[in-house]
Amino acid sequence: MSAGVEFKPNIVGFLCNWCCYGGADLAGVSRYQFPPYIRVIRVMCSGRVDMSFVLRAFSNGTDGVFIGGCHLNDCHYNTHGNFDALSMTQLTKKLLEHVGINPDRLRIEWVSAGEGIRYADIMTDFGGQIKKLGPLGSSEGVERKELQSRLAEVRKLVPYIKLEKKEKLASHLAEEAEYLTLFSAEEVEELLTKAPAYYIDPEKCKACMICARNCPVAAIDGGKGLVHIIDQAKCIKCGTCLEVCPPNFGAVTKLVGEPVPPPVPEEKRAIVRKGKEE
């Protein structure tokens, strides 16, 4: 950044349609003063905000992410949407910390449609906080490209993370302060370092195509009469292939802490049925 050029933070805000977005609108029409750094994305509920949204925003160079919802126990749809957003935010903060991003760059607050002043005050405070931290990566001492690489690796694990922590993510604790300790740095470290990989044993695969048909991201390459292969770059580690593989075949193996064997060469993928052997 050139000397004398003022840093203007790039902040993305996910605002609940029924409350926080109304508060933002009220702040605007009432001409309350607050920094114009935030770019608003309206969502129907703060519970709709996925951790992949937040990670993607930071991957794109956003300096800060704000999530605004209804006050707890005042969700427009049910009493759980904003609790889901709160638990998701706390886990995402730990993920950001793991990749080297200051977790203070992510913030969640509750603002009703009638709290325009509160919204303006929060934006002033958060905007000032991000401005003090500087551009993404500057206060962390990490190059932008390196952060993007780390975030990309974590983003691929989001489905696995959500499955592994689904019970905690669905927690509805009595006090908001309890969410601050819902996830620990050690817990997240173990979660990421022990992320599994799945491998199809070519000796056991019968090319039934059940795993390929059920894979949610089309990560399995296979066809009739061909040994199936999992594309590790596409695999989201959900374990669906392991669950649907017929027990009498047992071709899919879950690997933790060990390398995935190389795929079968194309010329050796053909499966010869016993009845068709010469």
C-alpha atoms as a PDB file:
ATOM      1  CA  MET A   1       0.000   0.000   0.000  1.00  0.00           C
ATOM      2  CA  SER A   2       1.417   3.385  -0.987  1.00  0.00           C
ATOM      3  CA  ALA A   3       2.331   5.859   1.722  1.00  0.00           C
ATOM      4  CA  GLY A   4      -0.442   8.294   2.450  1.00  0.00           C
ATOM      5  CA  VAL A   5      -3.213   6.088   1.068  1.00  0.00           C
ATOM      6  CA  GLU A   6      -5.802   5.373   3.748  1.00  0.00           C
ATOM      7  CA  PHE A   7      -6.747   1.743   4.216  1.00  0.00           C
ATOM      8  CA  LYS A   8     -10.467   1.164   3.713  1.00  0.00           C
ATOM      9  CA  PRO A   9     -11.511  -2.295   4.938  1.00  0.00           C
ATOM     10  CA  ASN A  10     -13.476  -4.629   2.740  1.00  0.00           C
ATOM     11  CA  ILE A  11     -16.174  -6.146   4.979  1.00  0.00           C
ATOM     12  CA  VAL A  12     -18.857  -8.619   3.935  1.00  0.00           C
ATOM     13  CA  GLY A  13     -22.010  -8.738   6.026  1.00  0.00           C
ATOM     14  CA  PHE A  14     -24.584 -11.539   6.082  1.00  0.00           C
ATOM     15  CA  LEU A  15     -27.729  -9.953   7.512  1.00  0.00           C
ATOM     16  CA  CYS A  16     -30.956 -11.651   8.567  1.00  0.00           C
ATOM     17  CA  ASN A  17     -33.834 -10.356   6.436  1.00  0.00           C
ATOM     18  CA  TRP A  18     -36.298 -10.014   9.291  1.00  0.00           C
ATOM     19  CA  CYS A  19     -34.225  -8.213  11.912  1.00  0.00           C
ATOM     20  CA  CYS A  20     -30.654  -7.093  11.259  1.00  0.00           C
ATOM     21  CA  TYR A  21     -31.334  -6.107   7.656  1.00  0.00           C
ATOM     22  CA  GLY A  22     -34.254  -4.027   8.916  1.00  0.00           C
ATOM     23  CA  GLY A  23     -31.963  -2.441  11.497  1.00  0.00           C
ATOM     24  CA  ALA A  24     -29.452  -1.606   8.775  1.00  0.00           C
ATOM     25  CA  ASP A  25     -32.191  -0.090   6.640  1.00  0.00           C
ATOM     26  CA  LEU A  26     -33.417   1.982   9.597  1.00  0.00           C
ATOM     27  CA  ALA A  27     -29.873   3.200  10.245  1.00  0.00           C
ATOM     28  CA  GLY A  28     -29.631   4.304   6.642  1.00  0.00           C
ATOM     29  CA  VAL A  29     -32.947   6.135   6.356  1.00  0.00           C
ATOM     30  CA  SER A  30     -32.350   7.744   9.753  1.00  0.00           C
ATOM     31  CA  ARG A  31     -28.967   8.980   8.512  1.00  0.00           C
ATOM     32  CA  TYR A  32     -27.049   7.521  11.432  1.00  0.00           C
ATOM     33  CA  GLN A  33     -23.338   7.864  10.788  1.00  0.00           C
ATOM     34  CA  PHE A  34     -21.174   4.742  10.413  1.00  0.00           C
ATOM     35  CA  PRO A  35     -18.286   3.728   8.100  1.00  0.00           C
ATOM     36  CA  PRO A  36     -19.432   2.580   4.634  1.00  0.00           C
ATOM     37  CA  TYR A  37     -17.128  -0.438   4.553  1.00  0.00           C
ATOM     38  CA  ILE A  38     -19.689  -3.230   4.676  1.00  0.00           C
ATOM     39  CA  ARG A  39     -21.119  -4.963   1.615  1.00  0.00           C
ATOM     40  CA  VAL A  40     -24.413  -6.500   2.614  1.00  0.00           C
ATOM     41  CA  ILE A  41     -25.711  -9.923   1.599  1.00  0.00           C
ATOM     42  CA  ARG A  42     -29.295 -10.449   2.748  1.00  0.00           C
ATOM     43  CA  VAL A  43     -30.184 -13.945   3.944  1.00  0.00           C
ATOM     44  CA  MET A  44     -33.559 -15.117   5.201  1.00  0.00           C
ATOM     45  CA  CYS A  45     -32.045 -16.343   8.478  1.00  0.00           C
ATOM     46  CA  SER A  46     -28.631 -16.060  10.108  1.00  0.00           C
ATOM     47  CA  GLY A  47     -28.802 -19.848  10.496  1.00  0.00           C
ATOM     48  CA  ARG A  48     -28.530 -20.037   6.702  1.00  0.00           C
ATOM     49  CA  VAL A  49     -24.959 -18.739   6.800  1.00  0.00           C
ATOM     50  CA  ASP A  50     -22.623 -21.672   6.229  1.00  0.00           C
ATOM     51  CA  MET A  51     -19.010 -21.777   7.360  1.00  0.00           C
ATOM     52  CA  SER A  52     -18.047 -22.278   3.714  1.00  0.00           C
ATOM     53  CA  PHE A  53     -19.549 -18.818   2.974  1.00  0.00           C
ATOM     54  CA  VAL A  54     -17.254 -17.249   5.550  1.00  0.00           C
ATOM     55  CA  LEU A  55     -14.156 -19.141   4.415  1.00  0.00           C
ATOM     56  CA  ARG A  56     -14.896 -18.246   0.794  1.00  0.00           C
ATOM     57  CA  ALA A  57     -15.227 -14.572   1.687  1.00  0.00           C
ATOM     58  CA  PHE A  58     -11.787 -14.585   3.294  1.00  0.00           C
ATOM     59  CA  SER A  59     -10.384 -16.569   0.349  1.00  0.00           C
ATOM     60  CA  ASN A  60     -11.548 -13.741  -1.905  1.00  0.00           C
ATOM     61  CA  GLY A  61      -9.592 -11.212   0.137  1.00  0.00           C
ATOM     62  CA  THR A  62     -12.275  -9.903   2.478  1.00  0.00           C
ATOM     63  CA  ASP A  63     -10.750  -8.179   5.517  1.00  0.00           C
ATOM     64  CA  GLY A  64     -13.665  -8.905   7.847  1.00  0.00           C
ATOM     65  CA  VAL A  65     -16.950 -10.811   7.940  1.00  0.00           C
ATOM     66  CA  PHE A  66     -20.010  -9.745   9.933  1.00  0.00           C
ATOM     67  CA  ILE A  67     -23.054 -11.911  10.674  1.00  0.00           C
ATOM     68  CA  GLY A  68     -26.172 -10.187  11.975  1.00  0.00           C
ATOM     69  CA  GLY A  69     -29.294 -11.963  13.163  1.00  0.00           C
ATOM     70  CA  CYS A  70     -32.352 -11.741  15.356  1.00  0.00           C
ATOM     71  CA  HIS A  71     -31.868 -11.684  19.104  1.00  0.00           C
ATOM     72  CA  LEU A  72     -31.589 -15.128  20.653  1.00  0.00           C
ATOM     73  CA  ASN A  73     -34.964 -16.807  21.249  1.00  0.00           C
ATOM     74  CA  ASP A  74     -36.504 -14.358  18.776  1.00  0.00           C
ATOM     75  CA  CYS A  75     -35.836 -16.154  15.475  1.00  0.00           C
ATOM     76  CA  HIS A  76     -38.491 -15.407  12.845  1.00  0.00           C
ATOM     77  CA  TYR A  77     -38.783 -19.069  11.820  1.00  0.00           C
ATOM     78  CA  ASN A  78     -38.038 -20.966  15.031  1.00  0.00           C
ATOM     79  CA  THR A  79     -36.004 -20.526  18.183  1.00  0.00           C
ATOM     80  CA  HIS A  80     -32.940 -22.232  16.747  1.00  0.00           C
ATOM     81  CA  GLY A  81     -31.755 -20.400  13.630  1.00  0.00           C
ATOM     82  CA  ASN A  82     -29.593 -17.858  15.412  1.00  0.00           C
ATOM     83  CA  PHE A  83     -28.301 -20.484  17.856  1.00  0.00           C
ATOM     84  CA  ASP A  84     -27.124 -22.472  14.842  1.00  0.00           C
ATOM     85  CA  ALA A  85     -25.413 -19.347  13.505  1.00  0.00           C
ATOM     86  CA  LEU A  86     -23.703 -18.782  16.866  1.00  0.00           C
ATOM     87  CA  SER A  87     -22.277 -22.305  17.133  1.00  0.00           C
ATOM     88  CA  MET A  88     -21.192 -22.193  13.478  1.00  0.00           C
ATOM     89  CA  THR A  89     -19.426 -18.879  14.057  1.00  0.00           C
ATOM     90  CA  GLN A  90     -17.503 -20.163  17.073  1.00  0.00           C
ATOM     91  CA  LEU A  91     -16.283 -23.203  15.147  1.00  0.00           C
ATOM     92  CA  THR A  92     -15.341 -21.048  12.158  1.00  0.00           C
ATOM     93  CA  LYS A  93     -13.344 -18.742  14.428  1.00  0.00           C
ATOM     94  CA  LYS A  94     -11.287 -21.741  15.524  1.00  0.00           C
ATOM     95  CA  LEU A  95     -10.770 -22.770  11.899  1.00  0.00           C
ATOM     96  CA  LEU A  96      -9.590 -19.262  11.044  1.00  0.00           C
ATOM     97  CA  GLU A  97      -7.210 -19.328  13.968  1.00  0.00           C
ATOM     98  CA  HIS A  98      -5.890 -22.690  12.751  1.00  0.00           C
ATOM     99  CA  VAL A  99      -5.004 -21.311   9.313  1.00  0.00           C
ATOM    100  CA  GLY A 100      -3.410 -18.190  10.807  1.00  0.00           C
ATOM    101  CA  ILE A 101      -6.197 -15.607  10.506  1.00  0.00           C
ATOM    102  CA  ASN A 102      -7.096 -13.436  13.479  1.00  0.00           C
ATOM    103  CA  PRO A 103     -10.528 -14.720  14.635  1.00  0.00           C
ATOM    104  CA  ASP A 104     -11.510 -11.154  15.537  1.00  0.00           C
ATOM    105  CA  ARG A 105     -12.006 -10.594  11.813  1.00  0.00           C
ATOM    106  CA  LEU A 106     -15.256 -12.569  12.155  1.00  0.00           C
ATOM    107  CA  ARG A 107     -18.058 -11.150  14.291  1.00  0.00           C
ATOM    108  CA  ILE A 108     -21.668 -12.055  15.043  1.00  0.00           C
ATOM    109  CA  GLU A 109     -24.224  -9.736  16.660  1.00  0.00           C
ATOM    110  CA  TRP A 110     -27.971  -9.550  17.255  1.00  0.00           C
ATOM    111  CA  VAL A 111     -29.870  -6.515  15.975  1.00  0.00           C
ATOM    112  CA  SER A 112     -33.638  -6.087  15.770  1.00  0.00           C
ATOM    113  CA  ALA A 113     -35.396  -4.188  12.981  1.00  0.00           C
ATOM    114  CA  GLY A 114     -35.942  -1.282  15.375  1.00  0.00           C
ATOM    115  CA  GLU A 115     -32.322  -0.974  16.494  1.00  0.00           C
ATOM    116  CA  GLY A 116     -30.858   1.287  13.844  1.00  0.00           C
ATOM    117  CA  ILE A 117     -28.621   3.049  16.357  1.00  0.00           C
ATOM    118  CA  ARG A 118     -27.286  -0.289  17.628  1.00  0.00           C
ATOM    119  CA  TYR A 119     -26.475  -1.361  14.072  1.00  0.00           C
ATOM    120  CA  ALA A 120     -24.636   1.894  13.383  1.00  0.00           C
ATOM    121  CA  ASP A 121     -22.664   1.573  16.627  1.00  0.00           C
ATOM    122  CA  ILE A 122     -21.668  -2.033  15.832  1.00  0.00           C
ATOM    123  CA  MET A 123     -20.565  -1.111  12.322  1.00  0.00           C
ATOM    124  CA  THR A 124     -18.517   1.793  13.668  1.00  0.00           C
ATOM    125  CA  ASP A 125     -16.832  -0.434  16.227  1.00  0.00           C
ATOM    126  CA  PHE A 126     -16.242  -3.387  13.917  1.00  0.00           C
ATOM    127  CA  GLY A 127     -15.091  -1.174  11.061  1.00  0.00           C
ATOM    128  CA  GLY A 128     -12.583   0.503  13.364  1.00  0.00           C
ATOM    129  CA  GLN A 129     -11.394  -2.868  14.632  1.00  0.00           C
ATOM    130  CA  ILE A 130     -10.766  -4.214  11.126  1.00  0.00           C
ATOM    131  CA  LYS A 131      -9.121  -0.952  10.083  1.00  0.00           C
ATOM    132  CA  LYS A 132      -6.740  -1.298  13.015  1.00  0.00           C
ATOM    133  CA  LEU A 133      -5.931  -4.903  12.050  1.00  0.00           C
ATOM    134  CA  GLY A 134      -5.193  -3.787   8.502  1.00  0.00           C
ATOM    135  CA  PRO A 135      -5.565  -5.746   5.262  1.00  0.00           C
ATOM    136  CA  LEU A 136      -6.046  -9.486   5.583  1.00  0.00           C
ATOM    137  CA  GLY A 137      -2.703 -11.080   6.335  1.00  0.00           C
ATOM    138  CA  SER A 138      -0.888  -7.922   7.429  1.00  0.00           C
ATOM    139  CA  SER A 139      -1.398  -8.251  11.182  1.00  0.00           C
ATOM    140  CA  GLU A 140      -1.118 -12.032  10.877  1.00  0.00           C
ATOM    141  CA  GLY A 141       2.235 -11.793   9.106  1.00  0.00           C
ATOM    142  CA  VAL A 142       1.165 -14.261   6.399  1.00  0.00           C
ATOM    143  CA  GLU A 143       1.192 -13.693   2.649  1.00  0.00           C
ATOM    144  CA  ARG A 144      -2.237 -13.474   0.991  1.00  0.00           C
ATOM    145  CA  LYS A 145      -1.538 -16.392  -1.368  1.00  0.00           C
ATOM    146  CA  GLU A 146      -0.471 -18.600   1.515  1.00  0.00           C
ATOM    147  CA  LEU A 147      -3.691 -17.793   3.384  1.00  0.00           C
ATOM    148  CA  GLN A 148      -5.726 -18.579   0.272  1.00  0.00           C
ATOM    149  CA  SER A 149      -3.992 -21.951  -0.007  1.00  0.00           C
ATOM    150  CA  ARG A 150      -4.686 -22.794   3.641  1.00  0.00           C
ATOM    151  CA  LEU A 151      -8.300 -21.673   3.374  1.00  0.00           C
ATOM    152  CA  ALA A 152      -8.795 -23.782   0.241  1.00  0.00           C
ATOM    153  CA  GLU A 153      -7.642 -26.883   2.117  1.00  0.00           C
ATOM    154  CA  VAL A 154     -10.036 -26.219   5.008  1.00  0.00           C
ATOM    155  CA  ARG A 155     -12.947 -25.400   2.675  1.00  0.00           C
ATOM    156  CA  LYS A 156     -12.633 -28.864   1.125  1.00  0.00           C
ATOM    157  CA  LEU A 157     -13.100 -30.354   4.590  1.00  0.00           C
ATOM    158  CA  VAL A 158     -16.248 -28.405   5.498  1.00  0.00           C
ATOM    159  CA  PRO A 159     -18.702 -31.299   4.801  1.00  0.00           C
ATOM    160  CA  TYR A 160     -16.527 -33.637   6.882  1.00  0.00           C
ATOM    161  CA  ILE A 161     -16.238 -31.063   9.683  1.00  0.00           C
ATOM    162  CA  LYS A 162     -20.001 -30.533   9.768  1.00  0.00           C
ATOM    163  CA  LEU A 163     -20.649 -34.273   9.949  1.00  0.00           C
ATOM    164  CA  GLU A 164     -18.077 -34.827  12.690  1.00  0.00           C
ATOM    165  CA  LYS A 165     -19.334 -31.910  14.795  1.00  0.00           C
ATOM    166  CA  LYS A 166     -23.045 -32.055  13.968  1.00  0.00           C
ATOM    167  CA  GLU A 167     -24.083 -32.623  17.586  1.00  0.00           C
ATOM    168  CA  LYS A 168     -22.147 -29.649  18.909  1.00  0.00           C
ATOM    169  CA  LEU A 169     -23.230 -27.483  15.991  1.00  0.00           C
ATOM    170  CA  ALA A 170     -26.833 -28.262  16.905  1.00  0.00           C
ATOM    171  CA  SER A 171     -26.277 -27.276  20.554  1.00  0.00           C
ATOM    172  CA  HIS A 172     -28.762 -24.859  22.106  1.00  0.00           C
ATOM    173  CA  LEU A 173     -27.043 -23.763  25.292  1.00  0.00           C
ATOM    174  CA  ALA A 174     -28.694 -21.745  28.031  1.00  0.00           C
ATOM    175  CA  GLU A 175     -26.189 -18.873  28.054  1.00  0.00           C
ATOM    176  CA  GLU A 176     -24.559 -17.196  25.074  1.00  0.00           C
ATOM    177  CA  ALA A 177     -21.232 -17.072  26.931  1.00  0.00           C
ATOM    178  CA  GLU A 178     -21.154 -20.876  26.976  1.00  0.00           C
ATOM    179  CA  TYR A 179     -20.627 -20.893  23.208  1.00  0.00           C
ATOM    180  CA  LEU A 180     -17.220 -19.263  23.643  1.00  0.00           C
ATOM    181  CA  THR A 181     -15.832 -22.559  24.975  1.00  0.00           C
ATOM    182  CA  LEU A 182     -17.938 -24.896  22.831  1.00  0.00           C
ATOM    183  CA  PHE A 183     -14.952 -25.717  20.601  1.00  0.00           C
ATOM    184  CA  SER A 184     -11.292 -25.778  21.601  1.00  0.00           C
ATOM    185  CA  ALA A 185      -8.212 -25.139  19.465  1.00  0.00           C
ATOM    186  CA  GLU A 186      -6.910 -28.616  20.354  1.00  0.00           C
ATOM    187  CA  GLU A 187     -10.195 -30.178  19.265  1.00  0.00           C
ATOM    188  CA  VAL A 188     -10.059 -28.461  15.884  1.00  0.00           C
ATOM    189  CA  GLU A 189      -6.383 -29.342  15.447  1.00  0.00           C
ATOM    190  CA  GLU A 190      -7.144 -33.021  16.028  1.00  0.00           C
ATOM    191  CA  LEU A 191     -10.195 -32.833  13.760  1.00  0.00           C
ATOM    192  CA  LEU A 192      -8.166 -31.521  10.839  1.00  0.00           C
ATOM    193  CA  THR A 193      -5.049 -33.634  11.295  1.00  0.00           C
ATOM    194  CA  LYS A 194      -7.107 -36.831  11.508  1.00  0.00           C
ATOM    195  CA  ALA A 195      -9.280 -36.115   8.500  1.00  0.00           C
ATOM    196  CA  PRO A 196      -9.848 -39.442   6.728  1.00  0.00           C
ATOM    197  CA  ALA A 197      -9.416 -40.465   3.117  1.00  0.00           C
ATOM    198  CA  TYR A 198     -11.355 -43.192   1.316  1.00  0.00           C
ATOM    199  CA  TYR A 199      -9.939 -45.767  -1.060  1.00  0.00           C
ATOM    200  CA  ILE A 200     -11.540 -48.446  -3.217  1.00  0.00           C
ATOM    201  CA  ASP A 201      -9.634 -51.734  -3.154  1.00  0.00           C
ATOM    202  CA  PRO A 202      -9.330 -52.866  -6.788  1.00  0.00           C
ATOM    203  CA  GLU A 203      -9.211 -56.498  -5.679  1.00  0.00           C
ATOM    204  CA  LYS A 204     -12.615 -56.211  -3.992  1.00  0.00           C
ATOM    205  CA  CYS A 205     -14.446 -53.763  -6.266  1.00  0.00           C
ATOM    206  CA  LYS A 206     -17.171 -55.466  -8.327  1.00  0.00           C
ATOM    207  CA  ALA A 207     -18.105 -52.379 -10.365  1.00  0.00           C
ATOM    208  CA  CYS A 208     -21.648 -52.409  -8.996  1.00  0.00           C
ATOM    209  CA  MET A 209     -21.696 -48.577  -9.353  1.00  0.00           C
ATOM    210  CA  ILE A 210     -23.590 -48.115  -6.071  1.00  0.00           C
ATOM    211  CA  CYS A 211     -20.897 -45.869  -4.592  1.00  0.00           C
ATOM    212  CA  ALA A 212     -20.607 -43.832  -7.796  1.00  0.00           C
ATOM    213  CA  ARG A 213     -24.361 -43.258  -7.961  1.00  0.00           C
ATOM    214  CA  ASN A 214     -24.520 -42.161  -4.326  1.00  0.00           C
ATOM    215  CA  CYS A 215     -21.447 -39.921  -4.183  1.00  0.00           C
ATOM    216  CA  PRO A 216     -22.822 -36.381  -3.619  1.00  0.00           C
ATOM    217  CA  VAL A 217     -19.988 -34.684  -5.510  1.00  0.00           C
ATOM    218  CA  ALA A 218     -19.384 -37.182  -8.343  1.00  0.00           C
ATOM    219  CA  ALA A 219     -15.884 -37.899  -7.041  1.00  0.00           C
ATOM    220  CA  ILE A 220     -15.937 -41.566  -8.058  1.00  0.00           C
ATOM    221  CA  ASP A 221     -14.886 -42.504 -11.556  1.00  0.00           C
ATOM    222  CA  GLY A 222     -16.341 -45.822 -12.632  1.00  0.00           C
ATOM    223  CA  GLY A 223     -18.521 -47.700 -15.047  1.00  0.00           C
ATOM    224  CA  LYS A 224     -19.816 -51.170 -15.797  1.00  0.00           C
ATOM    225  CA  GLY A 225     -16.959 -53.612 -15.734  1.00  0.00           C
ATOM    226  CA  LEU A 226     -14.427 -51.056 -14.479  1.00  0.00           C
ATOM    227  CA  VAL A 227     -12.704 -50.826 -11.111  1.00  0.00           C
ATOM    228  CA  HIS A 228     -13.954 -47.640  -9.453  1.00  0.00           C
ATOM    229  CA  ILE A 229     -11.495 -44.908  -8.451  1.00  0.00           C
ATOM    230  CA  ILE A 230     -12.019 -42.055  -5.991  1.00  0.00           C
ATOM    231  CA  ASP A 231     -10.768 -38.675  -7.178  1.00  0.00           C
ATOM    232  CA  GLN A 232      -9.098 -37.466  -3.983  1.00  0.00           C
ATOM    233  CA  ALA A 233      -9.133 -33.842  -5.199  1.00  0.00           C
ATOM    234  CA  LYS A 234     -12.934 -33.920  -5.430  1.00  0.00           C
ATOM    235  CA  CYS A 235     -13.639 -36.117  -2.397  1.00  0.00           C
ATOM    236  CA  ILE A 236     -15.263 -34.245   0.499  1.00  0.00           C
ATOM    237  CA  LYS A 237     -14.610 -37.082   2.997  1.00  0.00           C
ATOM    238  CA  CYS A 238     -18.291 -37.559   3.805  1.00  0.00           C
ATOM    239  CA  GLY A 239     -17.979 -41.350   3.958  1.00  0.00           C
ATOM    240  CA  THR A 240     -21.037 -42.026   1.805  1.00  0.00           C
ATOM    241  CA  CYS A 241     -19.099 -44.504  -0.346  1.00  0.00           C
ATOM    242  CA  LEU A 242     -18.130 -46.499   2.733  1.00  0.00           C
ATOM    243  CA  GLU A 243     -21.712 -46.569   3.973  1.00  0.00           C
ATOM    244  CA  VAL A 244     -23.301 -47.727   0.714  1.00  0.00           C
ATOM    245  CA  CYS A 245     -20.684 -50.259  -0.416  1.00  0.00           C
ATOM    246  CA  PRO A 246     -22.320 -53.713  -0.078  1.00  0.00           C
ATOM    247  CA  PRO A 247     -20.961 -55.496   3.032  1.00  0.00           C
ATOM    248  CA  ASN A 248     -20.258 -58.659   1.057  1.00  0.00           C
ATOM    249  CA  PHE A 249     -17.881 -56.639  -1.144  1.00  0.00           C
ATOM    250  CA  GLY A 250     -16.261 -54.395   1.499  1.00  0.00           C
ATOM    251  CA  ALA A 251     -14.315 -52.633  -1.228  1.00  0.00           C
ATOM    252  CA  VAL A 252     -14.149 -49.168   0.366  1.00  0.00           C
ATOM    253  CA  THR A 253     -11.564 -48.544   3.057  1.00  0.00           C
ATOM    254  CA  LYS A 254     -11.276 -45.592   5.427  1.00  0.00           C
ATOM    255  CA  LEU A 255      -7.700 -44.378   5.835  1.00  0.00           C
ATOM    256  CA  VAL A 256      -6.494 -42.145   8.664  1.00  0.00           C
ATOM    257  CA  GLY A 257      -2.913 -40.977   9.000  1.00  0.00           C
ATOM    258  CA  GLU A 258      -1.636 -42.996   6.062  1.00  0.00           C
ATOM    259  CA  PRO A 259      -1.168 -42.248   2.364  1.00  0.00           C
ATOM    260  CA  VAL A 260      -3.747 -43.264  -0.191  1.00  0.00           C
ATOM    261  CA  PRO A 261      -2.441 -45.978  -2.543  1.00  0.00           C
ATOM    262  CA  PRO A 262      -2.012 -44.879  -6.163  1.00  0.00           C
ATOM    263  CA  PRO A 263      -5.003 -45.479  -8.446  1.00  0.00           C
ATOM    264  CA  VAL A 264      -5.151 -48.538 -10.666  1.00  0.00           C
ATOM    265  CA  PRO A 265      -3.712 -47.860 -14.142  1.00  0.00           C
ATOM    266  CA  GLU A 266      -6.352 -47.437 -16.817  1.00  0.00           C
ATOM    267  CA  GLU A 267      -5.303 -50.592 -18.649  1.00  0.00           C
ATOM    268  CA  LYS A 268      -5.832 -52.716 -15.523  1.00  0.00           C
ATOM    269  CA  ARG A 269      -9.270 -51.432 -14.520  1.00  0.00           C
ATOM    270  CA  ALA A 270     -11.316 -53.976 -16.459  1.00  0.00           C
ATOM    271  CA  ILE A 271     -13.075 -56.538 -14.276  1.00  0.00           C
ATOM    272  CA  VAL A 272     -13.453 -60.000 -15.746  1.00  0.00           C
ATOM    273  CA  ARG A 273     -16.451 -61.879 -14.409  1.00  0.00           C
ATOM    274  CA  LYS A 274     -15.874 -65.495 -13.467  1.00  0.00           C
ATOM    275  CA  GLY A 275     -18.571 -66.677 -15.834  1.00  0.00           C
ATOM    276  CA  LYS A 276     -16.863 -64.925 -18.741  1.00  0.00           C
ATOM    277  CA  GLU A 277     -13.350 -66.195 -18.109  1.00  0.00           C
ATOM    278  CA  GLU A 278     -11.989 -68.394 -20.887  1.00  0.00           C
END
